[in-house]
């Protein structure tokens, strides 16, 4: 798997095993942070979870790059969505 900007591998351990394995998307604009986790289990595997994270990142970065983009409004809109883009 390739290294993706703004996306890191994430695993939360508890006891003998992992309670969460997946990818973490993190974007910061104007002092505000957006974080979304993409679970391997819910997405159907690590590669699919990564693809979902990359797709959301690409759409969000395109919206944030537009003239007059309001990062607060964009982040709030994506917080209400599921992992679908």
N, C-alpha and C. Protein backbone atom coordinates (compact mmCIF):
# COMPACT_ATOMS: atom_id res chain seq x y z
N UNK A 1 0.85 -1.18 0.00
CA UNK A 1 0.00 0.00 0.00
C UNK A 1 0.89 1.24 0.00
N UNK A 2 0.47 2.24 -0.74
CA UNK A 2 1.27 3.45 -0.86
C UNK A 2 0.97 4.42 0.28
N UNK A 3 1.92 5.29 0.54
CA UNK A 3 1.73 6.32 1.57
C UNK A 3 0.83 7.42 1.00
N UNK A 4 -0.20 7.78 1.71
CA UNK A 4 -1.16 8.78 1.28
C UNK A 4 -1.10 9.98 2.22
N UNK A 5 -1.06 11.17 1.65
CA UNK A 5 -1.04 12.39 2.46
C UNK A 5 -2.37 12.55 3.20
N UNK A 6 -2.30 12.90 4.46
CA UNK A 6 -3.44 13.13 5.35
C UNK A 6 -4.11 11.84 5.82
N UNK A 7 -3.56 10.68 5.45
CA UNK A 7 -4.17 9.39 5.83
C UNK A 7 -3.11 8.53 6.49
N UNK A 8 -3.44 7.99 7.68
CA UNK A 8 -2.52 7.13 8.39
C UNK A 8 -3.22 5.85 8.81
N UNK A 9 -2.42 4.79 8.97
CA UNK A 9 -2.94 3.52 9.46
C UNK A 9 -3.18 3.68 10.95
N UNK A 10 -4.28 3.14 11.44
CA UNK A 10 -4.66 3.32 12.83
C UNK A 10 -5.18 2.01 13.40
N UNK A 11 -4.72 1.66 14.59
CA UNK A 11 -5.22 0.48 15.28
C UNK A 11 -5.35 0.78 16.76
N UNK A 12 -6.49 0.51 17.32
CA UNK A 12 -6.74 0.73 18.75
C UNK A 12 -6.73 -0.62 19.45
N UNK A 13 -5.77 -0.82 20.34
CA UNK A 13 -5.64 -2.08 21.05
C UNK A 13 -6.40 -2.04 22.37
N UNK A 14 -6.97 -3.19 22.73
CA UNK A 14 -7.60 -3.33 24.04
C UNK A 14 -7.46 -4.79 24.44
N UNK A 15 -6.83 -5.04 25.54
CA UNK A 15 -6.67 -6.42 26.01
C UNK A 15 -5.76 -7.22 25.09
N UNK A 16 -6.25 -8.36 24.62
CA UNK A 16 -5.46 -9.28 23.81
C UNK A 16 -5.45 -8.96 22.32
N UNK A 17 -6.34 -8.10 21.86
CA UNK A 17 -6.41 -7.84 20.42
C UNK A 17 -6.81 -6.42 20.12
N UNK A 18 -7.14 -6.19 18.87
CA UNK A 18 -7.53 -4.86 18.42
C UNK A 18 -9.03 -4.70 18.49
N UNK A 19 -9.49 -3.55 18.95
CA UNK A 19 -10.91 -3.24 18.90
C UNK A 19 -11.23 -2.46 17.63
N UNK A 20 -10.19 -1.84 17.01
CA UNK A 20 -10.37 -1.11 15.76
C UNK A 20 -9.09 -1.21 14.94
N UNK A 21 -9.26 -1.53 13.67
CA UNK A 21 -8.15 -1.48 12.71
C UNK A 21 -8.68 -0.79 11.47
N UNK A 22 -7.93 0.18 11.00
CA UNK A 22 -8.38 0.88 9.81
C UNK A 22 -7.48 2.05 9.48
N UNK A 23 -8.08 3.05 8.87
CA UNK A 23 -7.36 4.23 8.39
C UNK A 23 -7.97 5.48 9.01
N UNK A 24 -7.12 6.48 9.22
CA UNK A 24 -7.55 7.74 9.83
C UNK A 24 -7.26 8.86 8.84
N UNK A 25 -8.31 9.58 8.46
CA UNK A 25 -8.20 10.76 7.61
C UNK A 25 -8.22 11.99 8.52
N UNK A 26 -7.24 12.87 8.38
CA UNK A 26 -7.17 14.07 9.21
C UNK A 26 -6.81 15.27 8.34
N UNK A 27 -7.69 16.26 8.32
CA UNK A 27 -7.47 17.51 7.59
C UNK A 27 -7.60 18.66 8.57
N UNK A 28 -6.76 19.67 8.41
CA UNK A 28 -6.82 20.86 9.26
C UNK A 28 -6.83 22.10 8.39
N UNK A 29 -7.77 22.99 8.66
CA UNK A 29 -7.85 24.27 7.96
C UNK A 29 -8.30 25.33 8.95
N UNK A 30 -7.66 26.48 8.91
CA UNK A 30 -8.04 27.62 9.76
C UNK A 30 -8.19 27.24 11.22
N UNK A 31 -7.31 26.38 11.71
CA UNK A 31 -7.33 25.99 13.12
C UNK A 31 -8.37 24.96 13.49
N UNK A 32 -9.13 24.49 12.53
CA UNK A 32 -10.16 23.48 12.79
C UNK A 32 -9.72 22.15 12.20
N UNK A 33 -9.96 21.08 12.94
CA UNK A 33 -9.54 19.74 12.51
C UNK A 33 -10.74 18.88 12.18
N UNK A 34 -10.60 18.14 11.07
CA UNK A 34 -11.60 17.14 10.67
C UNK A 34 -10.91 15.78 10.74
N UNK A 35 -11.53 14.84 11.46
CA UNK A 35 -10.99 13.49 11.56
C UNK A 35 -12.10 12.50 11.26
N UNK A 36 -11.79 11.51 10.43
CA UNK A 36 -12.75 10.43 10.12
C UNK A 36 -11.98 9.12 10.09
N UNK A 37 -12.54 8.08 10.68
CA UNK A 37 -11.93 6.76 10.72
C UNK A 37 -12.65 5.85 9.74
N UNK A 38 -11.89 5.02 9.05
CA UNK A 38 -12.42 4.09 8.06
C UNK A 38 -12.02 2.68 8.50
N UNK A 39 -12.98 1.93 8.98
CA UNK A 39 -12.75 0.61 9.55
C UNK A 39 -12.53 -0.44 8.46
N UNK A 40 -11.50 -1.28 8.66
CA UNK A 40 -11.27 -2.42 7.76
C UNK A 40 -12.48 -3.34 7.77
N UNK A 41 -13.01 -3.60 8.96
CA UNK A 41 -14.12 -4.54 9.11
C UNK A 41 -15.37 -4.05 8.40
N UNK A 42 -15.74 -2.79 8.62
CA UNK A 42 -16.95 -2.24 8.01
C UNK A 42 -16.82 -2.02 6.51
N UNK A 43 -15.59 -1.76 6.06
CA UNK A 43 -15.38 -1.47 4.64
C UNK A 43 -15.15 -2.72 3.81
N UNK A 44 -14.86 -3.84 4.45
CA UNK A 44 -14.61 -5.06 3.71
C UNK A 44 -13.13 -5.31 3.44
N UNK A 45 -12.26 -4.78 4.28
CA UNK A 45 -10.83 -5.01 4.16
C UNK A 45 -10.04 -3.72 4.17
N UNK A 46 -8.73 -3.87 4.39
CA UNK A 46 -7.85 -2.71 4.51
C UNK A 46 -7.77 -1.91 3.21
N UNK A 47 -7.69 -2.60 2.09
CA UNK A 47 -7.57 -1.89 0.80
C UNK A 47 -8.83 -1.09 0.48
N UNK A 48 -10.00 -1.64 0.76
CA UNK A 48 -11.25 -0.94 0.50
C UNK A 48 -11.40 0.24 1.46
N UNK A 49 -11.02 0.06 2.72
CA UNK A 49 -11.08 1.15 3.70
C UNK A 49 -10.16 2.29 3.28
N UNK A 50 -8.97 1.95 2.80
CA UNK A 50 -8.04 2.97 2.32
C UNK A 50 -8.62 3.69 1.10
N UNK A 51 -9.20 2.95 0.18
CA UNK A 51 -9.81 3.56 -1.01
C UNK A 51 -10.93 4.52 -0.62
N UNK A 52 -11.73 4.15 0.38
CA UNK A 52 -12.80 5.03 0.86
C UNK A 52 -12.22 6.31 1.46
N UNK A 53 -11.14 6.17 2.24
CA UNK A 53 -10.51 7.34 2.86
C UNK A 53 -9.92 8.26 1.80
N UNK A 54 -9.26 7.69 0.80
CA UNK A 54 -8.67 8.48 -0.28
C UNK A 54 -9.75 9.21 -1.06
N UNK A 55 -10.86 8.53 -1.35
CA UNK A 55 -11.95 9.16 -2.10
C UNK A 55 -12.52 10.35 -1.34
N UNK A 56 -12.76 10.18 -0.03
CA UNK A 56 -13.30 11.30 0.75
C UNK A 56 -12.29 12.44 0.82
N UNK A 57 -11.02 12.11 1.04
CA UNK A 57 -9.98 13.14 1.10
C UNK A 57 -9.93 13.95 -0.20
N UNK A 58 -9.95 13.27 -1.33
CA UNK A 58 -9.85 13.95 -2.62
C UNK A 58 -11.03 14.88 -2.87
N UNK A 59 -12.23 14.44 -2.53
CA UNK A 59 -13.43 15.28 -2.70
C UNK A 59 -13.36 16.49 -1.78
N UNK A 60 -12.97 16.26 -0.54
CA UNK A 60 -12.90 17.37 0.42
C UNK A 60 -11.83 18.38 0.04
N UNK A 61 -10.65 17.91 -0.37
CA UNK A 61 -9.59 18.83 -0.76
C UNK A 61 -10.00 19.66 -1.98
N UNK A 62 -10.73 19.07 -2.90
CA UNK A 62 -11.21 19.82 -4.06
C UNK A 62 -12.18 20.92 -3.61
N UNK A 63 -13.07 20.59 -2.69
CA UNK A 63 -14.01 21.60 -2.19
C UNK A 63 -13.29 22.70 -1.41
N UNK A 64 -12.30 22.31 -0.62
CA UNK A 64 -11.55 23.29 0.18
C UNK A 64 -10.71 24.22 -0.69
N UNK A 65 -10.31 23.76 -1.87
CA UNK A 65 -9.48 24.55 -2.77
C UNK A 65 -10.27 25.60 -3.55
N UNK A 66 -11.58 25.48 -3.57
CA UNK A 66 -12.41 26.43 -4.33
C UNK A 66 -12.35 27.82 -3.70
N UNK A 67 -12.44 28.84 -4.55
CA UNK A 67 -12.46 30.22 -4.06
C UNK A 67 -13.63 30.42 -3.10
N UNK A 68 -13.36 31.04 -1.98
CA UNK A 68 -14.40 31.34 -1.01
C UNK A 68 -14.88 30.14 -0.21
N UNK A 69 -14.12 29.03 -0.24
CA UNK A 69 -14.53 27.83 0.48
C UNK A 69 -14.55 28.10 1.99
N UNK A 70 -15.59 27.65 2.64
CA UNK A 70 -15.74 27.79 4.08
C UNK A 70 -15.42 26.45 4.72
N UNK A 71 -14.22 26.32 5.29
CA UNK A 71 -13.78 25.03 5.84
C UNK A 71 -14.71 24.56 6.97
N UNK A 72 -15.21 25.48 7.77
CA UNK A 72 -16.11 25.11 8.86
C UNK A 72 -17.38 24.44 8.30
N UNK A 73 -17.96 25.03 7.28
CA UNK A 73 -19.18 24.46 6.67
C UNK A 73 -18.88 23.12 6.01
N UNK A 74 -17.77 23.03 5.31
CA UNK A 74 -17.41 21.78 4.62
C UNK A 74 -17.16 20.68 5.64
N UNK A 75 -16.39 20.94 6.69
CA UNK A 75 -16.12 19.93 7.71
C UNK A 75 -17.40 19.48 8.39
N UNK A 76 -18.28 20.42 8.71
CA UNK A 76 -19.53 20.04 9.36
C UNK A 76 -20.40 19.18 8.47
N UNK A 77 -20.44 19.49 7.19
CA UNK A 77 -21.23 18.68 6.25
C UNK A 77 -20.71 17.25 6.19
N UNK A 78 -19.39 17.07 6.14
CA UNK A 78 -18.82 15.74 6.07
C UNK A 78 -18.87 14.99 7.40
N UNK A 79 -18.97 15.70 8.49
CA UNK A 79 -19.15 15.04 9.79
C UNK A 79 -20.49 14.34 9.85
N UNK A 80 -21.48 14.89 9.19
CA UNK A 80 -22.83 14.31 9.21
C UNK A 80 -22.98 13.14 8.25
N UNK A 81 -22.07 13.03 7.26
CA UNK A 81 -22.16 11.93 6.29
C UNK A 81 -21.57 10.65 6.86
N UNK A 82 -21.95 9.55 6.26
CA UNK A 82 -21.26 8.30 6.57
C UNK A 82 -19.95 8.29 5.79
N UNK A 83 -19.36 7.12 5.57
CA UNK A 83 -18.11 7.02 4.87
C UNK A 83 -18.29 7.09 3.34
N UNK A 84 -19.51 7.20 2.88
CA UNK A 84 -19.76 7.30 1.45
C UNK A 84 -19.46 8.72 1.00
N UNK A 85 -18.95 8.86 -0.17
CA UNK A 85 -18.64 10.18 -0.70
C UNK A 85 -19.41 10.41 -1.97
